[in-house]
Amino acid sequence: MRPLEGQLRVCELEAYKAVYCGLCRQLGQSFGLPARFTLSYDASFLALLGLALAEENCDVISLRERDESLESYYVSLIGGQKND
């Protein structure tokens, strides 16, 4: 997910670039240079979303991945255990 730079106001573009660069620097400091290559536009979007929610005093409860498979759905309906 890349921003359409031509449709952003100058202040929005500067904020986006600041978040992207800040994430990149922090990844480098925390995990080393190779980790910086894992940074994506999606991660920047999630960081901006988190910042916006924090400004509105909204708490993010969980960002864990969920199993959305058909088997998981049916198991949840009958209350059994998933077979792996």
Protein backbone atom coordinates (compact mmCIF):
# COMPACT_ATOMS: atom_id res chain seq x y z
CA MET A 1 0.00 0.00 0.00
CA ARG A 2 1.82 3.09 -1.24
CA PRO A 3 0.58 6.62 -0.69
CA LEU A 4 -0.47 8.64 -3.71
CA GLU A 5 1.94 11.48 -3.10
CA GLY A 6 0.22 13.78 -5.56
CA GLN A 7 -3.02 13.60 -3.59
CA LEU A 8 -1.53 14.28 -0.17
CA ARG A 9 -1.15 17.70 1.36
CA VAL A 10 2.43 18.74 2.10
CA CYS A 11 1.97 18.30 5.85
CA GLU A 12 0.49 14.80 5.35
CA LEU A 13 3.35 13.75 3.10
CA GLU A 14 5.92 15.07 5.57
CA ALA A 15 4.22 13.20 8.41
CA TYR A 16 4.18 9.99 6.37
CA LYS A 17 7.85 10.32 5.48
CA ALA A 18 8.72 11.06 9.11
CA VAL A 19 6.95 7.91 10.28
CA TYR A 20 8.56 5.80 7.54
CA CYS A 21 12.05 7.13 8.31
CA GLY A 22 11.51 6.78 12.05
CA LEU A 23 10.46 3.15 11.66
CA CYS A 24 13.47 2.46 9.46
CA ARG A 25 15.90 4.03 11.95
CA GLN A 26 14.33 2.19 14.87
CA LEU A 27 14.48 -1.14 13.07
CA GLY A 28 18.16 -0.53 12.39
CA GLN A 29 18.92 0.39 16.00
CA SER A 30 16.92 -2.47 17.50
CA PHE A 31 17.64 -5.32 15.10
CA GLY A 32 20.51 -4.27 12.81
CA LEU A 33 20.85 -3.23 9.21
CA PRO A 34 19.23 -6.32 7.58
CA ALA A 35 16.00 -5.68 9.49
CA ARG A 36 15.65 -2.32 7.78
CA PHE A 37 15.02 -4.13 4.50
CA THR A 38 11.85 -5.65 5.95
CA LEU A 39 10.14 -2.27 6.31
CA SER A 40 7.07 -1.98 4.11
CA TYR A 41 4.53 0.68 3.28
CA ASP A 42 1.96 -1.46 5.10
CA ALA A 43 3.97 -1.18 8.32
CA SER A 44 4.04 2.59 7.91
CA PHE A 45 0.28 2.62 7.41
CA LEU A 46 -0.24 0.59 10.59
CA ALA A 47 2.04 2.97 12.51
CA LEU A 48 0.08 5.98 11.25
CA LEU A 49 -3.19 4.27 12.12
CA GLY A 50 -1.91 3.57 15.63
CA LEU A 51 -0.82 7.18 16.05
CA ALA A 52 -4.20 8.44 14.86
CA LEU A 53 -6.03 6.12 17.25
CA ALA A 54 -3.79 7.22 20.12
CA GLU A 55 -4.61 10.88 19.41
CA GLU A 56 -8.32 10.02 19.68
CA ASN A 57 -7.72 8.13 22.96
CA CYS A 58 -8.64 4.80 21.36
CA ASP A 59 -6.91 1.68 22.65
CA VAL A 60 -5.80 -1.05 20.28
CA ILE A 61 -6.68 -4.24 22.12
CA SER A 62 -5.08 -6.84 19.87
CA LEU A 63 -3.35 -7.09 16.52
CA ARG A 64 -2.85 -10.85 16.50
CA GLU A 65 -3.47 -12.95 13.44
CA ARG A 66 -6.65 -15.00 13.46
CA ASP A 67 -7.27 -18.33 11.81
CA GLU A 68 -10.02 -17.60 9.28
CA SER A 69 -10.11 -21.06 7.71
CA LEU A 70 -13.36 -22.87 7.01
CA GLU A 71 -12.32 -25.65 9.39
CA SER A 72 -11.81 -23.13 12.18
CA TYR A 73 -15.26 -21.67 11.55
CA TYR A 74 -17.00 -25.05 11.74
CA VAL A 75 -15.03 -26.10 14.82
CA SER A 76 -16.06 -22.91 16.59
CA LEU A 77 -19.71 -23.66 15.75
CA ILE A 78 -19.68 -27.13 17.27
CA GLY A 79 -17.21 -26.37 20.07
CA GLY A 80 -14.66 -29.03 19.22
CA GLN A 81 -10.89 -28.91 18.77
CA LYS A 82 -9.08 -28.26 15.51
CA ASN A 83 -7.08 -31.12 13.99
CA ASP A 84 -3.55 -30.13 12.97
